[in-house]
Amino acid sequence: MTQGAGQEPVVRTATLRDFRVPPYARVPVQGDAPEPMPADATLQLGADAGSSIVAVATGHPGNAYPETEPPEGYTPTERDLPVINRGDTLQVHVTPVPQSVAATGDGPGPLFVVGDVHGYLDELLEALRAQGLIDENGGWAAGNARLWFLGDFTDRGPDGIGVIDLVMRLSAEAAAAGGYCKALMGNHELLLIGAKRFGDTPVSSGAGTATFQAAWLLNGGQKHDMDRLQDVHLQWMSRLDAVVEEDGHLLLHSDTTAYLEYGGTIEDVNDTVHEILNRNDADEVWDLFRKFTKRFAFRDEAAGPQAVQELLGTYGGRRIVHGHSPIPYLLGQVGTEDAEEGERPAVEGPHVYADGLAIAMDGGVTMAGKLLVVQLPLPA
């Protein structure tokens, strides 16, 4: 269903039945970058980042535009995705401890992960503060703690570029404090890169001819994010890894086994993804995007644990931690006829399933769920 006459733009929806196409969907993507900020607003990153962040001089912790209204129009993810409602799965309620989380000694600090953000900068700031990872001004406050974002920073929400700017800044501040803040490649990073690079260039699709620009708009692309997207953001996104292993946790964005098609080791997968992006072939990037958009490989009662074990056996680790598929789908709270229209999904924490081998971290912030930031390992 598209937005018709007399319907107000939707900024946020409680379920995914209320599908809207943004009113700017017929407006061509502007290729020109915004005017650069003053030189004194640039924060230099460390050697690992190899570039700089252009900060917006508003005083907002995410270098965003808090005084402006949210963008007109909002598109949720693909409607009516399949759901499950298994009785042997659980959500782990994690009570945040708003204090310093810096560990003492020379070893690595505590490990935290963040689910899909999708442009909800204020919710991200609130969740990071609740865990003691940032201070009231939005600065890194966690010493040598380790923080991993699981991807999908933009689209659907009000300030995707502000989210990227925040993560880039925290990466520099965490490194200076002896910790780190890192991020994984999500399918929406690939979508935004493709929309910027290739625009209306036709690509081969299983359903016929498609374009990155059309797919980006139909998946919640925000015109104001594209207008503010700069080379430094594109370079940063293009360097993100797809898979990592930390403390026995295999971290990846999507709950799919498609990663196995790109290499037999973590290093091979990440190298292959980077090579594809560097070759700048629209069809190759589209194929990568479509494969990283697959989901629900771990949900089946019999085949799900086996799929998890296949990934763990190939890449290492004892548990998979992923984003991508919203927990309300996995719990059967939205996308079914039994779900109440307008009902807020009751997401309390991460969703542990597939015989305890998988942890879902997308709390469904785009459908009025919850943006999850949790410490690993999860409490017993």
Protein backbone atom coordinates (compact mmCIF):
# COMPACT_ATOMS: atom_id res chain seq x y z
CA MET A 1 0.00 0.00 0.00
CA THR A 2 1.36 3.40 -0.90
CA GLN A 3 0.72 6.70 0.74
CA GLY A 4 -2.40 8.21 -0.80
CA ALA A 5 -4.31 11.44 -0.68
CA GLY A 6 -5.25 12.58 2.79
CA GLN A 7 -2.84 10.22 4.56
CA GLU A 8 -0.31 11.75 6.88
CA PRO A 9 3.37 10.72 6.60
CA VAL A 10 4.32 7.95 8.99
CA VAL A 11 7.43 8.58 11.08
CA ARG A 12 7.25 5.44 13.15
CA THR A 13 4.96 2.44 13.07
CA ALA A 14 4.12 -0.15 15.69
CA THR A 15 3.68 -2.99 13.23
CA LEU A 16 4.81 -3.66 9.72
CA ARG A 17 1.37 -3.95 8.10
CA ASP A 18 1.13 -0.17 7.77
CA PHE A 19 3.46 0.06 4.78
CA ARG A 20 4.23 3.51 3.45
CA VAL A 21 6.36 4.68 0.55
CA PRO A 22 8.11 7.96 1.45
CA PRO A 23 6.70 10.99 -0.38
CA TYR A 24 10.16 11.80 -1.68
CA ALA A 25 10.40 8.46 -3.51
CA ARG A 26 9.97 10.24 -6.83
CA VAL A 27 12.70 12.79 -6.05
CA PRO A 28 16.07 11.93 -7.66
CA VAL A 29 18.91 11.30 -5.22
CA GLN A 30 21.19 14.28 -5.08
CA GLY A 31 24.78 13.34 -5.75
CA ASP A 32 26.38 16.48 -4.41
CA ALA A 33 27.77 16.38 -0.90
CA PRO A 34 26.68 19.05 1.60
CA GLU A 35 28.81 22.09 2.22
CA PRO A 36 31.84 21.21 4.35
CA MET A 37 31.87 22.23 8.00
CA PRO A 38 34.39 24.76 9.32
CA ALA A 39 37.89 23.44 9.81
CA ASP A 40 37.67 23.81 13.60
CA ALA A 41 34.76 21.34 13.62
CA THR A 42 36.88 18.43 12.35
CA LEU A 43 37.85 15.64 14.72
CA GLN A 44 40.91 13.71 13.56
CA LEU A 45 40.71 9.96 13.94
CA GLY A 46 43.57 7.67 14.77
CA ALA A 47 45.76 5.84 12.30
CA ASP A 48 43.31 2.94 12.15
CA ALA A 49 40.57 5.11 10.69
CA GLY A 50 42.77 6.97 8.26
CA SER A 51 40.46 9.92 7.82
CA SER A 52 38.55 12.58 9.72
CA ILE A 53 35.05 13.27 10.87
CA VAL A 54 33.34 16.49 10.00
CA ALA A 55 31.36 17.50 13.07
CA VAL A 56 28.25 19.61 12.98
CA ALA A 57 28.59 22.52 15.36
CA THR A 58 25.30 22.05 17.20
CA GLY A 59 26.59 20.66 20.49
CA HIS A 60 24.51 17.53 19.99
CA PRO A 61 26.41 14.40 21.14
CA GLY A 62 25.89 12.70 17.81
CA ASN A 63 26.81 15.72 15.70
CA ALA A 64 23.26 15.67 14.38
CA TYR A 65 20.53 18.22 13.70
CA PRO A 66 18.29 18.04 16.79
CA GLU A 67 16.50 21.32 16.09
CA THR A 68 14.99 20.11 12.81
CA GLU A 69 11.83 18.07 12.43
CA PRO A 70 12.09 14.34 11.63
CA PRO A 71 12.16 13.65 7.89
CA GLU A 72 8.84 13.43 6.12
CA GLY A 73 7.90 9.86 5.38
CA TYR A 74 9.02 6.53 6.77
CA THR A 75 9.24 3.07 5.28
CA PRO A 76 9.53 -0.01 7.49
CA THR A 77 11.21 -3.21 6.44
CA GLU A 78 9.59 -5.74 4.12
CA ARG A 79 6.08 -6.39 5.36
CA ASP A 80 4.64 -9.69 6.52
CA LEU A 81 7.91 -11.52 7.07
CA PRO A 82 7.45 -15.07 8.35
CA VAL A 83 7.45 -15.40 12.13
CA ILE A 84 7.79 -18.15 14.68
CA ASN A 85 6.39 -18.47 18.15
CA ARG A 86 8.34 -21.22 19.83
CA GLY A 87 7.92 -21.97 23.49
CA ASP A 88 11.54 -23.02 24.03
CA THR A 89 13.03 -19.63 23.22
CA LEU A 90 13.55 -16.86 25.69
CA GLN A 91 14.40 -13.23 26.08
CA VAL A 92 17.12 -12.35 28.53
CA HIS A 93 16.28 -9.30 30.58
CA VAL A 94 19.45 -7.32 31.25
CA THR A 95 19.31 -4.57 33.86
CA PRO A 96 21.65 -1.74 32.87
CA VAL A 97 24.16 -0.57 35.44
CA PRO A 98 24.81 3.15 34.78
CA GLN A 99 28.35 3.32 36.08
CA SER A 100 31.86 3.12 34.77
CA VAL A 101 32.47 -0.23 33.09
CA ALA A 102 36.23 0.15 32.67
CA ALA A 103 38.11 -2.95 33.78
CA THR A 104 41.26 -2.81 35.84
CA GLY A 105 44.50 -4.46 34.88
CA ASP A 106 46.21 -4.95 31.53
CA GLY A 107 43.72 -7.38 29.98
CA PRO A 108 40.85 -6.52 27.68
CA GLY A 109 37.86 -4.73 29.13
CA PRO A 110 34.24 -5.92 29.16
CA LEU A 111 32.59 -6.69 25.82
CA PHE A 112 29.37 -4.98 24.69
CA VAL A 113 27.28 -5.34 21.53
CA VAL A 114 24.70 -3.03 19.96
CA GLY A 115 21.81 -4.13 17.76
CA ASP A 116 20.40 -2.39 14.70
CA VAL A 117 20.16 1.41 15.17
CA HIS A 118 18.53 2.52 11.89
CA GLY A 119 18.98 6.22 12.48
CA TYR A 120 17.50 6.41 15.98
CA LEU A 121 20.32 8.48 17.41
CA ASP A 122 18.63 9.68 20.60
CA GLU A 123 17.60 6.14 21.53
CA LEU A 124 21.19 5.00 20.93
CA LEU A 125 22.60 7.73 23.15
CA GLU A 126 20.15 6.82 25.91
CA ALA A 127 21.03 3.11 25.69
CA LEU A 128 24.79 3.76 25.71
CA ARG A 129 24.45 6.06 28.75
CA ALA A 130 22.38 3.45 30.58
CA GLN A 131 25.26 0.99 30.24
CA GLY A 132 27.85 3.54 31.36
CA LEU A 133 29.59 3.55 27.98
CA ILE A 134 29.23 7.30 27.38
CA ASP A 135 28.85 10.29 29.67
CA GLU A 136 26.10 12.91 29.70
CA ASN A 137 27.87 14.83 26.94
CA GLY A 138 28.08 11.77 24.70
CA GLY A 139 31.81 11.20 25.21
CA TRP A 140 33.41 7.79 25.71
CA ALA A 141 33.33 6.95 29.42
CA ALA A 142 34.12 3.22 29.46
CA GLY A 143 37.92 3.14 29.56
CA ASN A 144 39.21 -0.11 28.07
CA ALA A 145 35.77 -1.57 27.37
CA ARG A 146 35.12 -3.12 23.95
CA LEU A 147 32.04 -2.15 21.97
CA TRP A 148 30.80 -3.76 18.76
CA PHE A 149 27.98 -2.42 16.59
CA LEU A 150 26.30 -5.15 14.53
CA GLY A 151 25.48 -2.94 11.53
CA ASP A 152 22.49 -1.12 9.99
CA PHE A 153 23.14 2.45 11.11
CA THR A 154 20.92 4.27 8.63
CA ASP A 155 17.49 4.20 6.93
CA ARG A 156 14.00 4.45 8.45
CA GLY A 157 15.00 6.59 11.44
CA PRO A 158 15.53 10.35 11.72
CA ASP A 159 19.35 10.65 11.75
CA GLY A 160 21.41 7.88 10.18
CA ILE A 161 24.39 10.09 9.37
CA GLY A 162 24.38 11.36 12.95
CA VAL A 163 24.62 7.74 14.10
CA ILE A 164 27.60 7.09 11.82
CA ASP A 165 29.30 10.28 13.00
CA LEU A 166 28.80 9.21 16.62
CA VAL A 167 30.25 5.73 16.05
CA MET A 168 33.24 7.18 14.20
CA ARG A 169 33.90 9.66 17.00
CA LEU A 170 33.53 7.05 19.74
CA SER A 171 35.99 4.82 17.85
CA ALA A 172 38.66 7.51 18.20
CA GLU A 173 37.83 8.29 21.84
CA ALA A 174 37.71 4.63 22.89
CA ALA A 175 41.07 3.92 21.25
CA ALA A 176 42.61 6.85 23.12
CA ALA A 177 41.26 5.43 26.40
CA GLY A 178 42.65 1.93 25.80
CA GLY A 179 39.42 0.32 24.62
CA TYR A 180 37.75 0.18 21.25
CA CYS A 181 34.49 0.86 19.45
CA LYS A 182 34.09 -1.07 16.19
CA ALA A 183 31.35 -1.88 13.72
CA LEU A 184 30.24 -4.60 11.31
CA MET A 185 28.87 -4.34 7.79
CA GLY A 186 25.09 -4.58 7.62
CA ASN A 187 22.91 -4.97 4.56
CA HIS A 188 21.78 -1.34 4.88
CA GLU A 189 25.39 -0.14 4.68
CA LEU A 190 25.67 -2.04 1.38
CA LEU A 191 22.35 -0.54 0.27
CA LEU A 192 23.42 3.03 1.03
CA ILE A 193 26.81 2.55 -0.63
CA GLY A 194 25.08 1.15 -3.70
CA ALA A 195 22.50 3.95 -3.84
CA LYS A 196 25.27 6.57 -3.68
CA ARG A 197 27.62 4.88 -6.14
CA PHE A 198 25.23 3.43 -8.68
CA GLY A 199 21.95 5.35 -8.31
CA ASP A 200 19.56 4.35 -11.13
CA THR A 201 22.02 2.00 -12.86
CA PRO A 202 20.08 -1.22 -13.66
CA VAL A 203 21.28 -4.35 -11.90
CA SER A 204 20.39 -7.99 -12.44
CA SER A 205 17.80 -9.19 -9.97
CA GLY A 206 16.08 -12.52 -9.50
CA ALA A 207 12.79 -10.66 -10.03
CA GLY A 208 13.99 -8.77 -13.09
CA THR A 209 15.74 -5.43 -13.38
CA ALA A 210 16.25 -3.37 -10.24
CA THR A 211 18.24 -0.32 -9.10
CA PHE A 212 19.95 0.48 -5.84
CA GLN A 213 18.19 3.83 -5.59
CA ALA A 214 14.73 2.28 -5.83
CA ALA A 215 15.63 -0.45 -3.33
CA TRP A 216 17.10 2.11 -0.92
CA LEU A 217 13.99 4.27 -1.00
CA LEU A 218 11.65 1.31 -0.59
CA ASN A 219 13.69 0.08 2.39
CA GLY A 220 13.44 3.31 4.35
CA GLY A 221 16.12 5.44 2.67
CA GLN A 222 16.05 8.99 4.00
CA LYS A 223 16.80 11.78 1.53
CA HIS A 224 18.35 13.97 4.21
CA ASP A 225 20.85 11.16 4.97
CA MET A 226 21.84 11.01 1.31
CA ASP A 227 22.22 14.79 1.20
CA ARG A 228 24.62 14.69 4.18
CA LEU A 229 26.52 11.58 3.07
CA GLN A 230 30.18 12.42 2.44
CA ASP A 231 33.22 10.56 1.16
CA VAL A 232 34.48 10.01 4.71
CA HIS A 233 31.27 8.11 5.53
CA LEU A 234 31.48 6.01 2.37
CA GLN A 235 35.13 5.15 3.01
CA TRP A 236 34.38 4.19 6.59
CA MET A 237 31.45 1.95 5.64
CA SER A 238 33.40 0.31 2.81
CA ARG A 239 36.13 -0.79 5.25
CA LEU A 240 33.81 -2.47 7.74
CA ASP A 241 34.29 -6.18 8.33
CA ALA A 242 31.42 -8.62 7.87
CA VAL A 243 32.34 -11.21 10.54
CA VAL A 244 34.46 -11.20 13.71
CA GLU A 245 34.99 -13.51 16.67
CA GLU A 246 35.28 -12.10 20.18
CA ASP A 247 35.51 -14.11 23.41
CA GLY A 248 33.84 -17.13 21.84
CA HIS A 249 31.09 -15.05 20.24
CA LEU A 250 30.82 -15.09 16.45
CA LEU A 251 29.51 -11.63 15.63
CA LEU A 252 27.75 -10.98 12.31
CA HIS A 253 24.90 -8.82 11.11
CA SER A 254 22.55 -11.19 9.32
CA ASP A 255 21.06 -14.47 10.51
CA THR A 256 22.02 -16.25 7.31
CA THR A 257 24.53 -18.87 6.20
CA ALA A 258 25.32 -16.82 3.07
CA TYR A 259 28.62 -15.78 4.66
CA LEU A 260 29.88 -19.28 3.81
CA GLU A 261 29.76 -18.36 0.12
CA TYR A 262 32.49 -15.76 0.62
CA GLY A 263 35.22 -17.75 2.31
CA GLY A 264 36.18 -20.54 4.69
CA THR A 265 37.77 -18.26 7.28
CA ILE A 266 36.78 -14.96 8.86
CA GLU A 267 39.70 -13.28 7.13
CA ASP A 268 38.67 -14.69 3.74
CA VAL A 269 35.08 -13.47 4.12
CA ASN A 270 36.13 -9.97 5.09
CA ASP A 271 38.75 -9.78 2.33
CA THR A 272 36.23 -10.95 -0.27
CA VAL A 273 33.63 -8.38 0.80
CA HIS A 274 36.21 -5.59 0.64
CA GLU A 275 37.41 -6.75 -2.78
CA ILE A 276 33.86 -6.70 -4.15
CA LEU A 277 33.33 -3.15 -2.91
CA ASN A 278 36.68 -2.05 -4.30
CA ARG A 279 35.88 -3.46 -7.75
CA ASN A 280 32.85 -1.18 -7.84
CA ASP A 281 30.77 -3.50 -10.02
CA ALA A 282 27.06 -2.76 -9.54
CA ASP A 283 25.91 -6.33 -10.15
CA GLU A 284 28.48 -7.79 -7.75
CA VAL A 285 27.54 -5.34 -4.99
CA TRP A 286 23.85 -6.02 -5.60
CA ASP A 287 24.40 -9.77 -5.26
CA LEU A 288 26.30 -9.20 -2.01
CA PHE A 289 23.51 -6.96 -0.70
CA ARG A 290 20.80 -9.49 -1.57
CA LYS A 291 22.65 -12.36 0.11
CA PHE A 292 23.26 -10.33 3.27
CA THR A 293 19.54 -9.49 3.31
CA LYS A 294 18.58 -13.17 3.76
CA ARG A 295 17.32 -14.05 7.23
CA PHE A 296 15.82 -16.67 9.57
CA ALA A 297 18.42 -19.37 8.89
CA PHE A 298 18.53 -20.26 12.60
CA ARG A 299 14.84 -20.21 13.52
CA ASP A 300 13.72 -23.70 12.48
CA GLU A 301 13.56 -26.10 15.42
CA ALA A 302 15.56 -28.82 13.65
CA ALA A 303 17.58 -27.06 10.95
CA GLY A 304 18.29 -23.85 12.90
CA PRO A 305 20.83 -25.23 15.40
CA GLN A 306 22.48 -27.16 12.57
CA ALA A 307 22.90 -23.95 10.54
CA VAL A 308 24.44 -22.22 13.54
CA GLN A 309 26.80 -25.13 14.10
CA GLU A 310 27.88 -24.99 10.45
CA LEU A 311 28.92 -21.35 10.84
CA LEU A 312 30.58 -21.94 14.21
CA GLY A 313 32.41 -24.99 12.89
CA THR A 314 33.74 -22.96 9.96
CA TYR A 315 34.61 -19.64 11.62
CA GLY A 316 34.98 -20.51 15.30
CA GLY A 317 33.19 -19.44 18.44
CA ARG A 318 30.63 -21.05 20.72
CA ARG A 319 27.63 -18.75 20.06
CA ILE A 320 26.42 -16.53 17.24
CA VAL A 321 25.33 -12.98 18.03
CA HIS A 322 23.44 -11.24 15.22
CA GLY A 323 21.13 -8.36 14.35
CA HIS A 324 19.04 -7.93 11.18
CA SER A 325 15.87 -9.91 12.00
CA PRO A 326 13.78 -8.00 14.57
CA ILE A 327 13.05 -9.91 17.74
CA PRO A 328 9.31 -9.08 17.53
CA TYR A 329 9.21 -11.19 14.35
CA LEU A 330 10.97 -14.10 16.02
CA LEU A 331 8.56 -13.92 18.96
CA GLY A 332 5.48 -13.68 16.73
CA GLN A 333 4.53 -10.25 18.10
CA VAL A 334 4.15 -8.54 14.72
CA GLY A 335 3.50 -9.63 11.18
CA THR A 336 0.73 -12.10 12.06
CA GLU A 337 -3.03 -11.81 12.13
CA ASP A 338 -2.97 -12.40 15.89
CA ALA A 339 -0.84 -9.33 16.56
CA GLU A 340 -2.81 -6.33 17.74
CA GLU A 341 -2.64 -3.35 15.38
CA GLY A 342 -0.71 -0.52 17.03
CA GLU A 343 0.51 -2.71 19.88
CA ARG A 344 4.02 -1.95 21.10
CA PRO A 345 6.30 -5.00 20.83
CA ALA A 346 7.29 -6.23 24.28
CA VAL A 347 11.06 -6.53 23.81
CA GLU A 348 12.83 -6.85 27.15
CA GLY A 349 16.25 -7.95 26.00
CA PRO A 350 18.19 -10.18 23.61
CA HIS A 351 16.44 -13.25 22.21
CA VAL A 352 18.26 -16.54 22.82
CA TYR A 353 17.21 -19.40 20.54
CA ALA A 354 18.46 -22.27 18.32
CA ASP A 355 19.14 -24.46 21.37
CA GLY A 356 20.87 -21.53 23.04
CA LEU A 357 23.42 -21.17 20.25
CA ALA A 358 22.11 -17.90 18.75
CA ILE A 359 21.45 -14.50 20.27
CA ALA A 360 19.28 -12.01 18.35
CA MET A 361 20.02 -8.35 19.06
CA ASP A 362 17.65 -6.38 16.81
CA GLY A 363 15.09 -5.16 19.33
CA GLY A 364 12.87 -3.62 16.66
CA VAL A 365 13.47 0.05 17.39
CA THR A 366 11.92 0.93 14.01
CA MET A 367 8.59 -0.57 15.13
CA ALA A 368 8.61 1.07 18.57
CA GLY A 369 10.51 -1.83 20.09
CA LYS A 370 13.82 -1.37 21.89
CA LEU A 371 17.37 -0.49 20.90
CA LEU A 372 19.53 -3.08 22.64
CA VAL A 373 22.99 -2.53 24.12
CA VAL A 374 24.12 -5.48 26.25
CA GLN A 375 27.25 -6.89 27.83
CA LEU A 376 28.51 -10.33 26.81
CA PRO A 377 28.49 -13.04 27.94
CA LEU A 378 24.84 -12.91 28.92
CA PRO A 379 24.10 -13.79 32.55
CA ALA A 380 23.04 -17.37 33.16
